[in-house]
Amino acid sequence: MAGLRDALDSMVLAFRKLIGAERRRVEAIRTTRALPVLSLHRVTPEPNPFWPPLAPAHLDELVAYLKNHFDIRTFGELREAPVRGDRPPLVLSFDDGYLDFVEHAMPVLARHGVRANMNVIGSSVLSGEPTWNYRLYEFLAYAPESLRRELVVPGLDVPPPGDSPDDKRSYAAQLSRHLKRRPHSEREPLWAPIETMLARWERPPALQRRQMMNAAEVKETARTHEIGSHSFSHESMRHESMAFFRDDFARCRALFAEQLELPLRVYAFPHGSCRDEQIELLHAEGVDDVLLVGEKLSHLGAATHKRLTIEGNGLSQLKFQSLGLAEPRHITGALPAVRPR
């Protein structure tokens, strides 16, 4: 099915190119001072049953394409000089701080001589552990069915999944929504039985390696790329109190000042979940660029940016997404709630 979709995408893109749609789109971005901010996450050749990571080879193809049409910049570079030359600017923005950014994405970016924005999760930098939802998806994907069947989450009237990939994806989407759309204080009691399951599960050796960048790796990455914050706790901030948000941001600022020794100028909301007063607080605290989701182009000079989600394994699909011409394609309609933004 994926191969057929990519073939159809290629045909549509070829037709659009024949009538000049691609060229006109880039020109419209330039003349309207629009700013494509591309939202990326994991870059790895390893497949994932819940969302498609970007393969390094496809990132290489995408960056090569973008360099022909855009001036790839960081937010800091845009603050210093919004426009330079004839090509419109574009930002590559990565979230979470997975170690595969160092292993797979940075070599590709270095070959093309471009810099990116990377927004790290404070708690993961210090612990080396991914977020709770990623650990959950790992458990659902790889734990034995006998253990998964014991999982009971209060308030979720859905039986644990069997071994079918579709069953796992459907269950993960429903469970993720059940847990994400509530404040941290309400989720913790619901998370307790899941934590018990995780403690009983002996993870395969391939999953036991550290997955997140540590402070030393973030500091080294900052020698080339721009580092921003993806919060400290990776909570959906729309559902949290202002007191919680202030405390979380204070922990981010302390991490950047004390462990990373970096300025905190860019902040990406987890899941794009926020309220206006939280954005206002960030700007008042000296954050220049606040990043959301939204699948829309941003604009030069904006202080708050919507981003275009980049995912998939076909260059034609990635081109559509980069130009803001296509919605991201998910395996099921529920998958946007599963993805670890």
Protein backbone atom coordinates (compact mmCIF):
# COMPACT_ATOMS: atom_id res chain seq x y z
CA MET A 1 0.00 0.00 0.00
CA ALA A 2 2.81 2.41 0.88
CA GLY A 3 4.51 1.68 -2.45
CA LEU A 4 1.31 2.42 -4.35
CA ARG A 5 0.82 5.67 -2.46
CA ASP A 6 4.38 6.77 -3.21
CA ALA A 7 3.87 5.90 -6.89
CA LEU A 8 0.69 7.97 -6.98
CA ASP A 9 2.46 10.83 -5.18
CA SER A 10 5.23 10.69 -7.80
CA MET A 11 2.69 10.89 -10.61
CA VAL A 12 0.88 13.82 -9.05
CA LEU A 13 4.13 15.62 -8.34
CA ALA A 14 5.29 15.09 -11.94
CA PHE A 15 2.03 16.60 -13.17
CA ARG A 16 2.30 19.54 -10.80
CA LYS A 17 5.87 20.12 -11.94
CA LEU A 18 4.80 20.06 -15.61
CA ILE A 19 2.37 22.89 -15.00
CA GLY A 20 4.88 24.77 -12.85
CA ALA A 21 3.07 24.36 -9.53
CA GLU A 22 6.23 23.57 -7.60
CA ARG A 23 8.10 26.59 -8.96
CA ARG A 24 5.13 28.87 -8.36
CA ARG A 25 4.76 27.59 -4.82
CA VAL A 26 8.37 28.38 -3.97
CA GLU A 27 8.01 31.81 -5.57
CA ALA A 28 4.82 32.46 -3.59
CA ILE A 29 6.64 31.53 -0.38
CA ARG A 30 9.38 34.01 -1.28
CA THR A 31 7.15 36.93 -2.31
CA THR A 32 4.77 36.59 0.65
CA ARG A 33 7.68 36.27 3.10
CA ALA A 34 6.33 32.93 4.28
CA LEU A 35 8.64 30.70 6.31
CA PRO A 36 8.45 26.91 6.09
CA VAL A 37 9.42 25.44 9.46
CA LEU A 38 9.70 21.69 9.06
CA SER A 39 9.01 19.55 12.13
CA LEU A 40 11.08 16.34 12.28
CA HIS A 41 11.61 13.74 14.99
CA ARG A 42 13.46 10.46 14.71
CA VAL A 43 15.95 9.76 11.91
CA THR A 44 16.85 6.09 11.82
CA PRO A 45 16.81 3.12 9.43
CA GLU A 46 15.02 1.07 12.11
CA PRO A 47 11.24 0.75 11.51
CA ASN A 48 8.66 1.59 14.15
CA PRO A 49 5.21 0.00 14.38
CA PHE A 50 3.51 3.21 15.52
CA TRP A 51 4.93 5.99 13.37
CA PRO A 52 7.37 6.04 10.47
CA PRO A 53 10.81 7.44 11.37
CA LEU A 54 12.62 9.24 8.60
CA ALA A 55 15.30 7.03 7.04
CA PRO A 56 18.73 8.72 6.76
CA ALA A 57 18.72 8.16 2.98
CA HIS A 58 15.40 9.97 2.67
CA LEU A 59 16.62 12.83 4.85
CA ASP A 60 19.61 13.07 2.51
CA GLU A 61 17.33 13.28 -0.53
CA LEU A 62 15.07 15.81 1.16
CA VAL A 63 17.90 18.14 2.21
CA ALA A 64 19.43 17.96 -1.28
CA TYR A 65 16.06 18.97 -2.75
CA LEU A 66 15.52 21.77 -0.24
CA LYS A 67 18.97 23.25 -0.82
CA ASN A 68 18.07 23.77 -4.48
CA HIS A 69 15.02 25.87 -3.57
CA PHE A 70 15.58 27.32 -0.11
CA ASP A 71 18.17 28.95 2.11
CA ILE A 72 18.21 26.55 5.09
CA ARG A 73 18.75 28.52 8.31
CA THR A 74 18.35 28.41 12.08
CA PHE A 75 16.06 30.74 14.02
CA GLY A 76 19.10 32.56 15.39
CA GLU A 77 20.42 33.16 11.89
CA LEU A 78 17.03 34.48 10.83
CA ARG A 79 17.04 36.95 13.71
CA GLU A 80 20.40 38.29 12.53
CA ALA A 81 19.51 38.46 8.81
CA PRO A 82 15.95 37.48 7.82
CA VAL A 83 16.69 37.30 4.10
CA ARG A 84 19.88 36.79 2.15
CA GLY A 85 20.00 36.08 -1.58
CA ASP A 86 17.10 35.10 -3.81
CA ARG A 87 16.04 31.82 -2.22
CA PRO A 88 13.41 31.98 0.57
CA PRO A 89 14.57 30.80 4.00
CA LEU A 90 13.49 27.51 5.59
CA VAL A 91 14.13 25.98 9.03
CA LEU A 92 14.70 22.31 9.83
CA SER A 93 13.37 21.84 13.36
CA PHE A 94 13.92 18.56 15.24
CA ASP A 95 12.23 17.68 18.54
CA ASP A 96 12.98 15.42 21.52
CA GLY A 97 16.77 14.97 21.43
CA TYR A 98 17.08 11.33 20.43
CA LEU A 99 20.61 10.03 20.10
CA ASP A 100 19.86 9.05 16.51
CA PHE A 101 20.07 12.77 15.65
CA VAL A 102 23.79 12.51 16.42
CA GLU A 103 24.18 9.09 14.81
CA HIS A 104 22.16 9.54 11.63
CA ALA A 105 20.89 13.10 11.09
CA MET A 106 24.04 15.10 11.84
CA PRO A 107 26.22 13.26 9.28
CA VAL A 108 23.60 13.99 6.59
CA LEU A 109 23.35 17.66 7.57
CA ALA A 110 27.16 17.94 7.65
CA ARG A 111 27.47 16.55 4.12
CA HIS A 112 25.14 19.27 2.90
CA GLY A 113 26.65 22.00 5.06
CA VAL A 114 23.36 22.99 6.71
CA ARG A 115 22.41 23.68 10.32
CA ALA A 116 19.22 22.71 12.14
CA ASN A 117 17.25 23.58 15.23
CA MET A 118 17.10 20.75 17.83
CA ASN A 119 14.75 21.05 20.83
CA VAL A 120 15.60 18.77 23.73
CA ILE A 121 13.51 17.44 26.62
CA GLY A 122 15.17 18.46 29.88
CA SER A 123 14.30 15.37 31.91
CA SER A 124 15.54 13.09 29.13
CA VAL A 125 18.84 14.96 28.86
CA LEU A 126 19.45 14.28 32.56
CA SER A 127 18.11 10.71 32.76
CA GLY A 128 18.93 9.29 29.33
CA GLU A 129 15.38 7.88 29.23
CA PRO A 130 12.78 8.69 26.58
CA THR A 131 9.37 10.08 27.51
CA TRP A 132 6.70 7.99 29.23
CA ASN A 133 4.66 7.66 26.05
CA TYR A 134 7.63 6.37 24.03
CA ARG A 135 8.35 3.79 26.74
CA LEU A 136 4.70 2.78 26.57
CA TYR A 137 4.80 2.29 22.80
CA GLU A 138 7.96 0.23 23.17
CA PHE A 139 6.18 -2.02 25.68
CA LEU A 140 3.14 -2.43 23.43
CA ALA A 141 5.32 -3.20 20.44
CA TYR A 142 7.74 -5.71 21.93
CA ALA A 143 6.46 -7.11 25.24
CA PRO A 144 4.97 -10.62 25.14
CA GLU A 145 1.23 -10.83 24.64
CA SER A 146 0.80 -12.62 27.96
CA LEU A 147 2.13 -9.57 29.80
CA ARG A 148 0.27 -7.04 27.65
CA ARG A 149 -2.98 -8.85 28.37
CA GLU A 150 -2.57 -8.09 32.07
CA LEU A 151 -2.56 -4.36 31.46
CA VAL A 152 -5.64 -2.65 32.91
CA VAL A 153 -5.85 1.16 32.89
CA PRO A 154 -8.59 2.79 35.01
CA GLY A 155 -11.18 4.55 32.86
CA LEU A 156 -10.08 2.95 29.59
CA ASP A 157 -12.73 0.47 28.48
CA VAL A 158 -10.60 -1.15 25.79
CA PRO A 159 -9.02 -4.62 26.08
CA PRO A 160 -5.22 -4.81 25.72
CA PRO A 161 -4.09 -5.70 22.21
CA GLY A 162 -2.96 -9.04 20.85
CA ASP A 163 -0.12 -9.41 18.36
CA SER A 164 -1.81 -7.78 15.38
CA PRO A 165 0.00 -4.54 14.38
CA ASP A 166 -3.36 -2.89 13.66
CA ASP A 167 -4.67 -3.86 17.10
CA LYS A 168 -1.55 -2.44 18.73
CA ARG A 169 -1.80 0.84 16.82
CA SER A 170 -5.49 1.25 17.61
CA TYR A 171 -4.96 0.50 21.30
CA ALA A 172 -1.93 2.80 21.53
CA ALA A 173 -3.88 5.66 19.96
CA GLN A 174 -6.76 5.30 22.41
CA LEU A 175 -4.52 4.85 25.44
CA SER A 176 -2.33 7.79 24.42
CA ARG A 177 -5.36 10.09 24.14
CA HIS A 178 -6.65 8.79 27.48
CA LEU A 179 -3.38 9.71 29.21
CA LYS A 180 -2.25 12.83 27.34
CA ARG A 181 -5.43 14.85 27.60
CA ARG A 182 -5.25 15.37 31.32
CA PRO A 183 -2.83 17.16 33.67
CA HIS A 184 0.20 15.39 35.08
CA SER A 185 -1.42 15.11 38.54
CA GLU A 186 -4.40 13.19 37.12
CA ARG A 187 -2.35 10.98 34.84
CA GLU A 188 0.03 9.68 37.49
CA PRO A 189 -2.51 7.35 39.19
CA LEU A 190 -3.48 5.98 35.76
CA TRP A 191 0.16 5.49 34.85
CA ALA A 192 0.93 3.44 37.99
CA PRO A 193 -0.26 0.05 36.62
CA ILE A 194 1.63 0.68 33.40
CA GLU A 195 4.81 1.44 35.33
CA THR A 196 4.33 -1.87 37.15
CA MET A 197 4.13 -3.67 33.80
CA LEU A 198 7.25 -1.92 32.54
CA ALA A 199 9.15 -2.95 35.68
CA ARG A 200 8.20 -6.61 35.11
CA TRP A 201 9.18 -6.60 31.44
CA GLU A 202 12.72 -7.62 30.55
CA ARG A 203 13.50 -5.43 27.59
CA PRO A 204 15.39 -7.03 24.68
CA PRO A 205 19.11 -6.15 24.57
CA ALA A 206 18.61 -4.04 21.44
CA LEU A 207 16.27 -1.75 23.39
CA GLN A 208 18.50 -1.38 26.42
CA ARG A 209 20.95 1.08 24.89
CA ARG A 210 20.64 4.72 25.87
CA GLN A 211 18.31 6.44 23.45
CA MET A 212 18.52 10.13 24.35
CA MET A 213 21.32 12.68 24.01
CA ASN A 214 23.02 13.48 27.31
CA ALA A 215 24.26 16.92 28.39
CA ALA A 216 27.74 16.41 26.93
CA GLU A 217 26.28 15.37 23.57
CA VAL A 218 23.88 18.31 23.55
CA LYS A 219 26.76 20.71 24.25
CA GLU A 220 28.80 19.15 21.46
CA THR A 221 25.84 19.35 19.09
CA ALA A 222 25.46 23.03 19.96
CA ARG A 223 28.85 23.70 18.39
CA THR A 224 27.12 23.29 15.01
CA HIS A 225 23.37 23.29 15.51
CA GLU A 226 20.90 25.45 17.40
CA ILE A 227 19.57 24.02 20.67
CA GLY A 228 16.12 24.87 21.99
CA SER A 229 13.88 23.48 24.71
CA HIS A 230 11.06 20.98 24.26
CA SER A 231 10.01 21.55 27.89
CA PHE A 232 11.44 19.76 30.90
CA SER A 233 8.68 17.20 31.47
CA HIS A 234 7.16 16.84 27.98
CA GLU A 235 3.65 17.37 29.33
CA SER A 236 0.72 18.68 27.27
CA MET A 237 0.87 22.20 28.68
CA ARG A 238 -2.66 23.19 27.65
CA HIS A 239 -3.90 20.92 30.45
CA GLU A 240 -1.44 22.16 33.09
CA SER A 241 -1.77 25.10 35.47
CA MET A 242 0.31 28.22 35.04
CA ALA A 243 2.12 27.35 38.28
CA PHE A 244 3.13 23.98 36.78
CA PHE A 245 4.21 25.63 33.53
CA ARG A 246 6.29 28.30 35.29
CA ASP A 247 8.04 25.64 37.36
CA ASP A 248 8.68 23.48 34.30
CA PHE A 249 10.14 26.42 32.39
CA ALA A 250 12.29 27.41 35.39
CA ARG A 251 13.78 23.90 35.33
CA CYS A 252 14.46 24.27 31.61
CA ARG A 253 16.21 27.58 32.17
CA ALA A 254 18.31 26.12 34.99
CA LEU A 255 19.33 23.17 32.81
CA PHE A 256 20.37 25.46 29.96
CA ALA A 257 22.28 27.80 32.27
CA GLU A 258 23.99 25.27 34.54
CA GLN A 259 24.45 21.98 32.64
CA LEU A 260 24.32 23.01 28.99
CA GLU A 261 25.76 26.52 29.34
CA LEU A 262 23.55 27.70 26.49
CA PRO A 263 21.05 30.53 26.00
CA LEU A 264 17.40 29.50 25.87
CA ARG A 265 16.02 31.36 22.86
CA VAL A 266 13.76 28.73 21.25
CA TYR A 267 10.97 26.73 22.89
CA ALA A 268 8.83 24.03 21.24
CA PHE A 269 5.62 23.06 23.03
CA PRO A 270 5.18 19.28 23.42
CA HIS A 271 2.40 18.08 21.12
CA GLY A 272 1.88 21.75 20.17
CA SER A 273 -0.35 21.90 23.27
CA CYS A 274 -0.45 25.34 24.92
CA ARG A 275 -2.48 28.37 25.93
CA ASP A 276 -1.95 31.98 24.91
CA GLU A 277 -0.81 33.04 28.38
CA GLN A 278 1.92 30.39 28.29
CA ILE A 279 3.23 31.75 24.99
CA GLU A 280 3.15 35.26 26.44
CA LEU A 281 5.13 34.11 29.50
CA LEU A 282 7.84 32.61 27.28
CA HIS A 283 8.25 35.79 25.29
CA ALA A 284 8.32 37.84 28.50
CA GLU A 285 11.10 35.54 29.76
CA GLY A 286 13.27 36.23 26.72
CA VAL A 287 12.34 33.32 24.44
CA ASP A 288 12.48 34.70 20.89
CA ASP A 289 10.85 31.84 18.95
CA VAL A 290 7.98 29.67 20.18
CA LEU A 291 7.18 26.58 18.11
CA LEU A 292 3.82 24.87 17.72
CA VAL A 293 2.36 22.33 15.29
CA GLY A 294 -0.48 23.22 12.96
CA GLU A 295 0.57 22.12 9.44
CA LYS A 296 0.82 25.69 8.16
CA LEU A 297 3.58 27.97 6.91
CA SER A 298 4.97 30.52 9.33
CA HIS A 299 6.15 34.01 8.32
CA LEU A 300 9.39 35.93 8.53
CA GLY A 301 9.42 38.14 11.60
CA ALA A 302 6.92 36.00 13.51
CA ALA A 303 7.71 35.15 17.12
CA THR A 304 5.40 32.13 17.25
CA HIS A 305 5.63 29.56 14.46
CA LYS A 306 3.41 26.77 13.21
CA ARG A 307 5.32 23.87 11.68
CA LEU A 308 4.88 21.38 8.85
CA THR A 309 5.20 17.74 9.94
CA ILE A 310 7.72 15.76 7.89
CA GLU A 311 7.31 12.00 7.85
CA GLY A 312 7.27 9.19 5.35
CA ASN A 313 9.56 7.25 3.08
CA GLY A 314 9.03 8.76 -0.36
CA LEU A 315 10.73 11.90 -1.62
CA SER A 316 7.61 13.03 -3.45
CA GLN A 317 5.59 12.87 -0.23
CA LEU A 318 8.33 14.74 1.67
CA LYS A 319 8.39 17.45 -1.02
CA PHE A 320 4.63 17.94 -0.74
CA GLN A 321 4.89 18.28 3.01
CA SER A 322 7.86 20.68 2.86
CA LEU A 323 5.99 23.03 0.53
CA GLY A 324 2.85 22.92 2.66
CA LEU A 325 0.95 21.16 -0.14
CA ALA A 326 -0.01 17.99 1.70
CA GLU A 327 -1.16 16.88 5.10
CA PRO A 328 1.09 14.28 6.76
CA ARG A 329 -0.05 10.75 5.97
CA HIS A 330 -0.59 8.55 9.00
CA ILE A 331 -1.10 4.81 9.08
CA THR A 332 -4.50 5.26 10.71
CA GLY A 333 -6.64 8.28 11.47
CA ALA A 334 -5.86 7.88 15.17
CA LEU A 335 -2.09 7.99 14.81
CA PRO A 336 -1.62 11.76 15.30
CA ALA A 337 -2.40 11.15 18.98
CA VAL A 338 0.26 8.44 19.15
CA ARG A 339 3.22 10.32 17.72
CA PRO A 340 5.70 11.52 20.39
CA ARG A 341 5.90 15.16 19.37
